[in-house]
PDB file of N, CA and C in Angstrom:
ATOM      1  N   MET A   1      -4.761  20.365  -7.820  1.00  0.00           N
ATOM      2  CA  MET A   1      -4.085  21.393  -7.052  1.00  0.00           C
ATOM      3  C   MET A   1      -5.117  22.359  -6.494  1.00  0.00           C
ATOM      4  N   ASN A   2      -4.796  22.858  -5.307  1.00  0.00           N
ATOM      5  CA  ASN A   2      -5.710  23.830  -4.731  1.00  0.00           C
ATOM      6  C   ASN A   2      -5.336  25.229  -5.219  1.00  0.00           C
ATOM      7  N   MET A   3      -6.027  26.232  -4.728  1.00  0.00           N
ATOM      8  CA  MET A   3      -5.826  27.605  -5.218  1.00  0.00           C
ATOM      9  C   MET A   3      -4.438  28.137  -4.902  1.00  0.00           C
ATOM     10  N   GLU A   4      -3.776  27.587  -3.896  1.00  0.00           N
ATOM     11  CA  GLU A   4      -2.424  28.038  -3.549  1.00  0.00           C
ATOM     12  C   GLU A   4      -1.350  27.314  -4.346  1.00  0.00           C
ATOM     13  N   GLY A   5      -1.760  26.432  -5.261  1.00  0.00           N
ATOM     14  CA  GLY A   5      -0.812  25.700  -6.084  1.00  0.00           C
ATOM     15  C   GLY A   5      -0.249  24.458  -5.411  1.00  0.00           C
ATOM     16  N   GLU A   6      -0.805  24.073  -4.266  1.00  0.00           N
ATOM     17  CA  GLU A   6      -0.343  22.891  -3.562  1.00  0.00           C
ATOM     18  C   GLU A   6      -1.184  21.686  -3.988  1.00  0.00           C
ATOM     19  N   HIS A   7      -0.587  20.525  -3.901  1.00  0.00           N
ATOM     20  CA  HIS A   7      -1.321  19.304  -4.222  1.00  0.00           C
ATOM     21  C   HIS A   7      -2.321  18.994  -3.118  1.00  0.00           C
ATOM     22  N   THR A   8      -3.497  18.530  -3.523  1.00  0.00           N
ATOM     23  CA  THR A   8      -4.501  18.139  -2.542  1.00  0.00           C
ATOM     24  C   THR A   8      -4.128  16.785  -1.947  1.00  0.00           C
ATOM     25  N   ALA A   9      -4.752  16.428  -0.829  1.00  0.00           N
ATOM     26  CA  ALA A   9      -4.489  15.140  -0.186  1.00  0.00           C
ATOM     27  C   ALA A   9      -4.780  13.987  -1.130  1.00  0.00           C
ATOM     28  N   ALA A  10      -5.828  14.106  -1.935  1.00  0.00           N
ATOM     29  CA  ALA A  10      -6.178  13.040  -2.883  1.00  0.00           C
ATOM     30  C   ALA A  10      -5.110  12.869  -3.955  1.00  0.00           C
ATOM     31  N   GLU A  11      -4.452  13.947  -4.341  1.00  0.00           N
ATOM     32  CA  GLU A  11      -3.388  13.852  -5.339  1.00  0.00           C
ATOM     33  C   GLU A  11      -2.128  13.240  -4.743  1.00  0.00           C
ATOM     34  N   VAL A  12      -1.842  13.551  -3.492  1.00  0.00           N
ATOM     35  CA  VAL A  12      -0.649  13.049  -2.832  1.00  0.00           C
ATOM     36  C   VAL A  12      -0.811  11.585  -2.439  1.00  0.00           C
ATOM     37  N   ASN A  13      -1.984  11.205  -1.981  1.00  0.00           N
ATOM     38  CA  ASN A  13      -2.261   9.848  -1.519  1.00  0.00           C
ATOM     39  C   ASN A  13      -3.543   9.333  -2.157  1.00  0.00           C
ATOM     40  N   PRO A  14      -3.566   9.088  -3.461  1.00  0.00           N
ATOM     41  CA  PRO A  14      -4.808   8.721  -4.139  1.00  0.00           C
ATOM     42  C   PRO A  14      -5.432   7.432  -3.633  1.00  0.00           C
ATOM     43  N   HIS A  15      -4.619   6.501  -3.152  1.00  0.00           N
ATOM     44  CA  HIS A  15      -5.134   5.217  -2.661  1.00  0.00           C
ATOM     45  C   HIS A  15      -6.027   5.375  -1.439  1.00  0.00           C
ATOM     46  N   LEU A  16      -5.858   6.445  -0.674  1.00  0.00           N
ATOM     47  CA  LEU A  16      -6.628   6.631   0.552  1.00  0.00           C
ATOM     48  C   LEU A  16      -8.090   6.957   0.285  1.00  0.00           C
ATOM     49  N   TYR A  17      -8.393   7.363  -0.908  1.00  0.00           N
ATOM     50  CA  TYR A  17      -9.747   7.818  -1.207  1.00  0.00           C
ATOM     51  C   TYR A  17     -10.532   6.819  -2.046  1.00  0.00           C
ATOM     52  N   LYS A  18     -10.040   5.612  -2.128  1.00  0.00           N
ATOM     53  CA  LYS A  18     -10.749   4.559  -2.844  1.00  0.00           C
ATOM     54  C   LYS A  18     -11.711   3.907  -1.850  1.00  0.00           C
ATOM     55  N   PRO A  19     -12.996   3.897  -2.133  1.00  0.00           N
ATOM     56  CA  PRO A  19     -13.969   3.419  -1.148  1.00  0.00           C
ATOM     57  C   PRO A  19     -13.961   1.916  -0.922  1.00  0.00           C
ATOM     58  N   GLU A  20     -13.506   1.142  -1.901  1.00  0.00           N
ATOM     59  CA  GLU A  20     -13.444  -0.300  -1.714  1.00  0.00           C
ATOM     60  C   GLU A  20     -12.466  -0.906  -2.707  1.00  0.00           C
ATOM     61  N   PHE A  21     -12.073  -2.137  -2.434  1.00  0.00           N
ATOM     62  CA  PHE A  21     -11.131  -2.845  -3.285  1.00  0.00           C
ATOM     63  C   PHE A  21     -11.745  -4.169  -3.702  1.00  0.00           C
ATOM     64  N   THR A  22     -11.543  -4.542  -4.957  1.00  0.00           N
ATOM     65  CA  THR A  22     -12.036  -5.828  -5.435  1.00  0.00           C
ATOM     66  C   THR A  22     -11.039  -6.922  -5.054  1.00  0.00           C
ATOM     67  N   LYS A  23     -11.500  -8.151  -5.095  1.00  0.00           N
ATOM     68  CA  LYS A  23     -10.621  -9.288  -4.828  1.00  0.00           C
ATOM     69  C   LYS A  23      -9.468  -9.310  -5.829  1.00  0.00           C
ATOM     70  N   GLU A  24      -9.752  -8.974  -7.061  1.00  0.00           N
ATOM     71  CA  GLU A  24      -8.714  -8.957  -8.094  1.00  0.00           C
ATOM     72  C   GLU A  24      -7.638  -7.919  -7.782  1.00  0.00           C
ATOM     73  N   GLU A  25      -8.060  -6.745  -7.320  1.00  0.00           N
ATOM     74  CA  GLU A  25      -7.089  -5.698  -6.965  1.00  0.00           C
ATOM     75  C   GLU A  25      -6.211  -6.133  -5.801  1.00  0.00           C
ATOM     76  N   VAL A  26      -6.819  -6.755  -4.808  1.00  0.00           N
ATOM     77  CA  VAL A  26      -6.059  -7.234  -3.655  1.00  0.00           C
ATOM     78  C   VAL A  26      -5.098  -8.334  -4.080  1.00  0.00           C
ATOM     79  N   ASP A  27      -5.562  -9.273  -4.888  1.00  0.00           N
ATOM     80  CA  ASP A  27      -4.703 -10.363  -5.368  1.00  0.00           C
ATOM     81  C   ASP A  27      -3.524  -9.818  -6.170  1.00  0.00           C
ATOM     82  N   GLU A  28      -3.774  -8.834  -7.020  1.00  0.00           N
ATOM     83  CA  GLU A  28      -2.706  -8.241  -7.827  1.00  0.00           C
ATOM     84  C   GLU A  28      -1.686  -7.541  -6.938  1.00  0.00           C
ATOM     85  N   LEU A  29      -2.144  -6.847  -5.919  1.00  0.00           N
ATOM     86  CA  LEU A  29      -1.249  -6.158  -4.986  1.00  0.00           C
ATOM     87  C   LEU A  29      -0.400  -7.170  -4.211  1.00  0.00           C
ATOM     88  N   LEU A  30      -1.018  -8.234  -3.740  1.00  0.00           N
ATOM     89  CA  LEU A  30      -0.277  -9.268  -3.021  1.00  0.00           C
ATOM     90  C   LEU A  30       0.763  -9.928  -3.923  1.00  0.00           C
ATOM     91  N   LYS A  31       0.392 -10.173  -5.167  1.00  0.00           N
ATOM     92  CA  LYS A  31       1.329 -10.774  -6.122  1.00  0.00           C
ATOM     93  C   LYS A  31       2.517  -9.837  -6.367  1.00  0.00           C
ATOM     94  N   TRP A  32       2.249  -8.536  -6.470  1.00  0.00           N
ATOM     95  CA  TRP A  32       3.317  -7.555  -6.691  1.00  0.00           C
ATOM     96  C   TRP A  32       4.353  -7.646  -5.578  1.00  0.00           C
ATOM     97  N   PHE A  33       3.898  -7.713  -4.340  1.00  0.00           N
ATOM     98  CA  PHE A  33       4.833  -7.800  -3.213  1.00  0.00           C
ATOM     99  C   PHE A  33       5.509  -9.161  -3.143  1.00  0.00           C
ATOM    100  N   GLU A  34       4.797 -10.210  -3.472  1.00  0.00           N
ATOM    101  CA  GLU A  34       5.379 -11.552  -3.473  1.00  0.00           C
ATOM    102  C   GLU A  34       6.551 -11.625  -4.449  1.00  0.00           C
ATOM    103  N   GLN A  35       6.414 -10.984  -5.598  1.00  0.00           N
ATOM    104  CA  GLN A  35       7.475 -10.990  -6.610  1.00  0.00           C
ATOM    105  C   GLN A  35       8.693 -10.171  -6.189  1.00  0.00           C
ATOM    106  N   ARG A  36       8.554  -9.348  -5.186  1.00  0.00           N
ATOM    107  CA  ARG A  36       9.653  -8.497  -4.740  1.00  0.00           C
ATOM    108  C   ARG A  36      10.145  -8.881  -3.343  1.00  0.00           C
ATOM    109  N   ASP A  37       9.706 -10.035  -2.881  1.00  0.00           N
ATOM    110  CA  ASP A  37      10.120 -10.516  -1.565  1.00  0.00           C
ATOM    111  C   ASP A  37      11.642 -10.564  -1.482  1.00  0.00           C
ATOM    112  N   GLY A  38      12.176 -10.032  -0.419  1.00  0.00           N
ATOM    113  CA  GLY A  38      13.625 -10.008  -0.235  1.00  0.00           C
ATOM    114  C   GLY A  38      14.311  -8.806  -0.850  1.00  0.00           C
ATOM    115  N   ARG A  39      13.576  -7.980  -1.584  1.00  0.00           N
ATOM    116  CA  ARG A  39      14.193  -6.803  -2.227  1.00  0.00           C
ATOM    117  C   ARG A  39      13.710  -5.489  -1.640  1.00  0.00           C
ATOM    118  N   LEU A  40      12.870  -5.542  -0.611  1.00  0.00           N
ATOM    119  CA  LEU A  40      12.329  -4.309  -0.034  1.00  0.00           C
ATOM    120  C   LEU A  40      13.387  -3.606   0.808  1.00  0.00           C
ATOM    121  N   PRO A  41      13.414  -2.283   0.763  1.00  0.00           N
ATOM    122  CA  PRO A  41      14.352  -1.561   1.625  1.00  0.00           C
ATOM    123  C   PRO A  41      13.946  -1.706   3.091  1.00  0.00           C
ATOM    124  N   GLN A  42      14.879  -1.471   3.978  1.00  0.00           N
ATOM    125  CA  GLN A  42      14.589  -1.573   5.407  1.00  0.00           C
ATOM    126  C   GLN A  42      13.634  -0.466   5.858  1.00  0.00           C
ATOM    127  N   THR A  43      13.821   0.735   5.330  1.00  0.00           N
ATOM    128  CA  THR A  43      12.958   1.862   5.700  1.00  0.00           C
ATOM    129  C   THR A  43      12.392   2.505   4.437  1.00  0.00           C
ATOM    130  N   LEU A  44      11.260   3.184   4.615  1.00  0.00           N
ATOM    131  CA  LEU A  44      10.621   3.870   3.496  1.00  0.00           C
ATOM    132  C   LEU A  44       9.801   5.029   4.034  1.00  0.00           C
ATOM    133  N   LYS A  45      10.043   6.207   3.494  1.00  0.00           N
ATOM    134  CA  LYS A  45       9.249   7.378   3.866  1.00  0.00           C
ATOM    135  C   LYS A  45       7.950   7.339   3.069  1.00  0.00           C
ATOM    136  N   LEU A  46       6.819   7.273   3.771  1.00  0.00           N
ATOM    137  CA  LEU A  46       5.524   7.155   3.122  1.00  0.00           C
ATOM    138  C   LEU A  46       4.917   8.503   2.784  1.00  0.00           C
ATOM    139  N   ASN A  47       5.100   9.464   3.661  1.00  0.00           N
ATOM    140  CA  ASN A  47       4.647  10.829   3.420  1.00  0.00           C
ATOM    141  C   ASN A  47       5.424  11.744   4.353  1.00  0.00           C
ATOM    142  N   SER A  48       5.052  13.003   4.434  1.00  0.00           N
ATOM    143  CA  SER A  48       5.844  13.955   5.204  1.00  0.00           C
ATOM    144  C   SER A  48       5.887  13.656   6.694  1.00  0.00           C
ATOM    145  N   SER A  49       4.968  12.845   7.186  1.00  0.00           N
ATOM    146  CA  SER A  49       4.948  12.576   8.623  1.00  0.00           C
ATOM    147  C   SER A  49       5.049  11.101   8.991  1.00  0.00           C
ATOM    148  N   THR A  50       5.213  10.219   8.010  1.00  0.00           N
ATOM    149  CA  THR A  50       5.210   8.788   8.295  1.00  0.00           C
ATOM    150  C   THR A  50       6.359   8.085   7.594  1.00  0.00           C
ATOM    151  N   GLN A  51       7.070   7.263   8.374  1.00  0.00           N
ATOM    152  CA  GLN A  51       8.147   6.456   7.815  1.00  0.00           C
ATOM    153  C   GLN A  51       8.020   5.042   8.359  1.00  0.00           C
ATOM    154  N   ALA A  52       8.112   4.065   7.483  1.00  0.00           N
ATOM    155  CA  ALA A  52       8.129   2.658   7.894  1.00  0.00           C
ATOM    156  C   ALA A  52       9.576   2.306   8.199  1.00  0.00           C
ATOM    157  N   THR A  53       9.846   1.913   9.435  1.00  0.00           N
ATOM    158  CA  THR A  53      11.233   1.656   9.832  1.00  0.00           C
ATOM    159  C   THR A  53      11.639   0.194   9.710  1.00  0.00           C
ATOM    160  N   ASP A  54      10.707  -0.708   9.561  1.00  0.00           N
ATOM    161  CA  ASP A  54      10.996  -2.123   9.303  1.00  0.00           C
ATOM    162  C   ASP A  54      10.036  -2.585   8.214  1.00  0.00           C
ATOM    163  N   LEU A  55      10.259  -2.074   7.017  1.00  0.00           N
ATOM    164  CA  LEU A  55       9.337  -2.302   5.910  1.00  0.00           C
ATOM    165  C   LEU A  55       9.129  -3.785   5.586  1.00  0.00           C
ATOM    166  N   PRO A  56      10.177  -4.607   5.502  1.00  0.00           N
ATOM    167  CA  PRO A  56       9.925  -6.017   5.187  1.00  0.00           C
ATOM    168  C   PRO A  56       8.995  -6.689   6.202  1.00  0.00           C
ATOM    169  N   ARG A  57       9.178  -6.401   7.453  1.00  0.00           N
ATOM    170  CA  ARG A  57       8.312  -6.985   8.486  1.00  0.00           C
ATOM    171  C   ARG A  57       6.880  -6.469   8.358  1.00  0.00           C
ATOM    172  N   THR A  58       6.727  -5.168   8.138  1.00  0.00           N
ATOM    173  CA  THR A  58       5.399  -4.570   7.992  1.00  0.00           C
ATOM    174  C   THR A  58       4.666  -5.156   6.795  1.00  0.00           C
ATOM    175  N   VAL A  59       5.324  -5.198   5.654  1.00  0.00           N
ATOM    176  CA  VAL A  59       4.710  -5.749   4.446  1.00  0.00           C
ATOM    177  C   VAL A  59       4.390  -7.229   4.648  1.00  0.00           C
ATOM    178  N   GLY A  60       5.297  -7.969   5.264  1.00  0.00           N
ATOM    179  CA  GLY A  60       5.054  -9.383   5.516  1.00  0.00           C
ATOM    180  C   GLY A  60       3.822  -9.603   6.381  1.00  0.00           C
ATOM    181  N   TRP A  61       3.690  -8.824   7.422  1.00  0.00           N
ATOM    182  CA  TRP A  61       2.541  -8.961   8.311  1.00  0.00           C
ATOM    183  C   TRP A  61       1.242  -8.628   7.582  1.00  0.00           C
ATOM    184  N   LEU A  62       1.229  -7.505   6.865  1.00  0.00           N
ATOM    185  CA  LEU A  62       0.016  -7.097   6.153  1.00  0.00           C
ATOM    186  C   LEU A  62      -0.382  -8.112   5.090  1.00  0.00           C
ATOM    187  N   THR A  63       0.591  -8.611   4.350  1.00  0.00           N
ATOM    188  CA  THR A  63       0.255  -9.567   3.294  1.00  0.00           C
ATOM    189  C   THR A  63      -0.225 -10.897   3.880  1.00  0.00           C
ATOM    190  N   ARG A  64       0.351 -11.336   4.998  1.00  0.00           N
ATOM    191  CA  ARG A  64      -0.122 -12.576   5.627  1.00  0.00           C
ATOM    192  C   ARG A  64      -1.568 -12.446   6.086  1.00  0.00           C
ATOM    193  N   VAL A  65      -1.910 -11.317   6.668  1.00  0.00           N
ATOM    194  CA  VAL A  65      -3.287 -11.110   7.106  1.00  0.00           C
ATOM    195  C   VAL A  65      -4.231 -11.146   5.909  1.00  0.00           C
ATOM    196  N   LEU A  66      -3.896 -10.422   4.853  1.00  0.00           N
ATOM    197  CA  LEU A  66      -4.771 -10.376   3.681  1.00  0.00           C
ATOM    198  C   LEU A  66      -4.865 -11.733   2.988  1.00  0.00           C
ATOM    199  N   LYS A  67      -3.766 -12.474   2.944  1.00  0.00           N
ATOM    200  CA  LYS A  67      -3.806 -13.812   2.337  1.00  0.00           C
ATOM    201  C   LYS A  67      -4.691 -14.753   3.146  1.00  0.00           C
ATOM    202  N   SER A  68      -4.689 -14.594   4.462  1.00  0.00           N
ATOM    203  CA  SER A  68      -5.506 -15.470   5.300  1.00  0.00           C
ATOM    204  C   SER A  68      -6.994 -15.228   5.081  1.00  0.00           C
ATOM    205  N   LEU A  69      -7.334 -14.092   4.512  1.00  0.00           N
ATOM    206  CA  LEU A  69      -8.726 -13.741   4.249  1.00  0.00           C
ATOM    207  C   LEU A  69      -9.112 -13.954   2.796  1.00  0.00           C
ATOM    208  N   SER A  70      -8.227 -14.518   1.999  1.00  0.00           N
ATOM    209  CA  SER A  70      -8.433 -14.562   0.549  1.00  0.00           C
ATOM    210  C   SER A  70      -9.646 -15.368   0.114  1.00  0.00           C
ATOM    211  N   ASP A  71     -10.110 -16.300   0.940  1.00  0.00           N
ATOM    212  CA  ASP A  71     -11.267 -17.094   0.532  1.00  0.00           C
ATOM    213  C   ASP A  71     -12.587 -16.501   1.018  1.00  0.00           C
ATOM    214  N   LYS A  72     -12.521 -15.323   1.618  1.00  0.00           N
ATOM    215  CA  LYS A  72     -13.721 -14.654   2.125  1.00  0.00           C
ATOM    216  C   LYS A  72     -13.845 -13.275   1.463  1.00  0.00           C
ATOM    217  N   PRO A  73     -15.033 -12.719   1.414  1.00  0.00           N
ATOM    218  CA  PRO A  73     -15.154 -11.332   0.951  1.00  0.00           C
ATOM    219  C   PRO A  73     -14.383 -10.419   1.901  1.00  0.00           C
ATOM    220  N   LEU A  74     -13.670  -9.468   1.360  1.00  0.00           N
ATOM    221  CA  LEU A  74     -12.854  -8.568   2.177  1.00  0.00           C
ATOM    222  C   LEU A  74     -13.749  -7.583   2.917  1.00  0.00           C
ATOM    223  N   ALA A  75     -13.701  -7.617   4.218  1.00  0.00           N
ATOM    224  CA  ALA A  75     -14.492  -6.706   5.041  1.00  0.00           C
ATOM    225  C   ALA A  75     -13.868  -5.314   5.021  1.00  0.00           C
ATOM    226  N   VAL A  76     -14.707  -4.325   5.170  1.00  0.00           N
ATOM    227  CA  VAL A  76     -14.242  -2.944   5.173  1.00  0.00           C
ATOM    228  C   VAL A  76     -13.169  -2.721   6.239  1.00  0.00           C
ATOM    229  N   THR A  77     -13.180  -3.520   7.269  1.00  0.00           N
ATOM    230  CA  THR A  77     -12.181  -3.428   8.335  1.00  0.00           C
ATOM    231  C   THR A  77     -10.765  -3.523   7.782  1.00  0.00           C
ATOM    232  N   PHE A  78     -10.588  -4.267   6.710  1.00  0.00           N
ATOM    233  CA  PHE A  78      -9.252  -4.517   6.182  1.00  0.00           C
ATOM    234  C   PHE A  78      -8.874  -3.613   5.012  1.00  0.00           C
ATOM    235  N   TYR A  79      -9.732  -2.700   4.620  1.00  0.00           N
ATOM    236  CA  TYR A  79      -9.399  -1.777   3.531  1.00  0.00           C
ATOM    237  C   TYR A  79      -8.194  -0.915   3.879  1.00  0.00           C
ATOM    238  N   GLY A  80      -8.034  -0.597   5.147  1.00  0.00           N
ATOM    239  CA  GLY A  80      -6.871   0.182   5.570  1.00  0.00           C
ATOM    240  C   GLY A  80      -5.577  -0.557   5.298  1.00  0.00           C
ATOM    241  N   TYR A  81      -5.577  -1.872   5.463  1.00  0.00           N
ATOM    242  CA  TYR A  81      -4.389  -2.677   5.178  1.00  0.00           C
ATOM    243  C   TYR A  81      -4.052  -2.602   3.694  1.00  0.00           C
ATOM    244  N   VAL A  82      -5.082  -2.724   2.864  1.00  0.00           N
ATOM    245  CA  VAL A  82      -4.882  -2.663   1.417  1.00  0.00           C
ATOM    246  C   VAL A  82      -4.385  -1.271   1.028  1.00  0.00           C
ATOM    247  N   SER A  83      -4.971  -0.247   1.615  1.00  0.00           N
ATOM    248  CA  SER A  83      -4.549   1.127   1.322  1.00  0.00           C
ATOM    249  C   SER A  83      -3.093   1.359   1.693  1.00  0.00           C
ATOM    250  N   LEU A  84      -2.678   0.833   2.838  1.00  0.00           N
ATOM    251  CA  LEU A  84      -1.287   0.996   3.252  1.00  0.00           C
ATOM    252  C   LEU A  84      -0.346   0.277   2.288  1.00  0.00           C
ATOM    253  N   LEU A  85      -0.697  -0.931   1.894  1.00  0.00           N
ATOM    254  CA  LEU A  85       0.141  -1.641   0.925  1.00  0.00           C
ATOM    255  C   LEU A  85       0.180  -0.908  -0.414  1.00  0.00           C
ATOM    256  N   ALA A  86      -0.940  -0.345  -0.820  1.00  0.00           N
ATOM    257  CA  ALA A  86      -0.973   0.421  -2.072  1.00  0.00           C
ATOM    258  C   ALA A  86      -0.064   1.640  -1.978  1.00  0.00           C
ATOM    259  N   LEU A  87      -0.041   2.291  -0.827  1.00  0.00           N
ATOM    260  CA  LEU A  87       0.844   3.446  -0.642  1.00  0.00           C
ATOM    261  C   LEU A  87       2.301   3.012  -0.679  1.00  0.00           C
ATOM    262  N   VAL A  88       2.619   1.929  -0.020  1.00  0.00           N
ATOM    263  CA  VAL A  88       3.993   1.419  -0.032  1.00  0.00           C
ATOM    264  C   VAL A  88       4.413   1.116  -1.472  1.00  0.00           C
ATOM    265  N   ARG A  89       3.554   0.431  -2.218  1.00  0.00           N
ATOM    266  CA  ARG A  89       3.886   0.127  -3.619  1.00  0.00           C
ATOM    267  C   ARG A  89       4.093   1.408  -4.423  1.00  0.00           C
ATOM    268  N   LEU A  90       3.210   2.381  -4.241  1.00  0.00           N
ATOM    269  CA  LEU A  90       3.338   3.652  -4.949  1.00  0.00           C
ATOM    270  C   LEU A  90       4.681   4.317  -4.652  1.00  0.00           C
ATOM    271  N   ARG A  91       5.057   4.382  -3.379  1.00  0.00           N
ATOM    272  CA  ARG A  91       6.331   5.018  -3.007  1.00  0.00           C
ATOM    273  C   ARG A  91       7.520   4.229  -3.555  1.00  0.00           C
ATOM    274  N   LEU A  92       7.434   2.905  -3.535  1.00  0.00           N
ATOM    275  CA  LEU A  92       8.518   2.108  -4.094  1.00  0.00           C
ATOM    276  C   LEU A  92       8.622   2.300  -5.605  1.00  0.00           C
ATOM    277  N   GLN A  93       7.491   2.372  -6.276  1.00  0.00           N
ATOM    278  CA  GLN A  93       7.511   2.614  -7.722  1.00  0.00           C
ATOM    279  C   GLN A  93       8.076   4.003  -8.030  1.00  0.00           C
ATOM    280  N   GLU A  94       7.755   4.975  -7.206  1.00  0.00           N
ATOM    281  CA  GLU A  94       8.317   6.318  -7.392  1.00  0.00           C
ATOM    282  C   GLU A  94       9.839   6.312  -7.265  1.00  0.00           C
ATOM    283  N   GLN A  95      10.353   5.364  -6.492  1.00  0.00           N
ATOM    284  CA  GLN A  95      11.804   5.245  -6.305  1.00  0.00           C
ATOM    285  C   GLN A  95      12.435   4.325  -7.355  1.00  0.00           C
ATOM    286  N   GLY A  96      11.620   3.810  -8.276  1.00  0.00           N
ATOM    287  CA  GLY A  96      12.156   3.027  -9.382  1.00  0.00           C
ATOM    288  C   GLY A  96      11.971   1.525  -9.284  1.00  0.00           C
ATOM    289  N   MET A  97      11.311   1.037  -8.237  1.00  0.00           N
ATOM    290  CA  MET A  97      11.079  -0.411  -8.153  1.00  0.00           C
ATOM    291  C   MET A  97       9.893  -0.781  -9.033  1.00  0.00           C
ATOM    292  N   GLU A  98      10.113  -1.670  -9.948  1.00  0.00           N
ATOM    293  CA  GLU A  98       9.044  -2.149 -10.838  1.00  0.00           C
ATOM    294  C   GLU A  98       8.852  -3.607 -10.714  1.00  0.00           C
TER     295      GLU A  98
END
């Protein structure tokens, strides 16, 4: 928390400040979404200014891209995809999806 008692950006979105992801972390994240295929809500509020309006399509696209790269080292270019999926998982877990 900052001096005004508000949460810092790192506390609100901790996944955004991770400098890199291991193959194991990416595989675990992909598996988490694979196990919940067909159960994702249509929309999801990610933060105060962002809402995913077609969450199943978004998650499907991101996971397909990451799976297509699974036999290669993950380039920094794709860390944003992993971060977005991590945020989606965090918000879904906050809503009770396990």
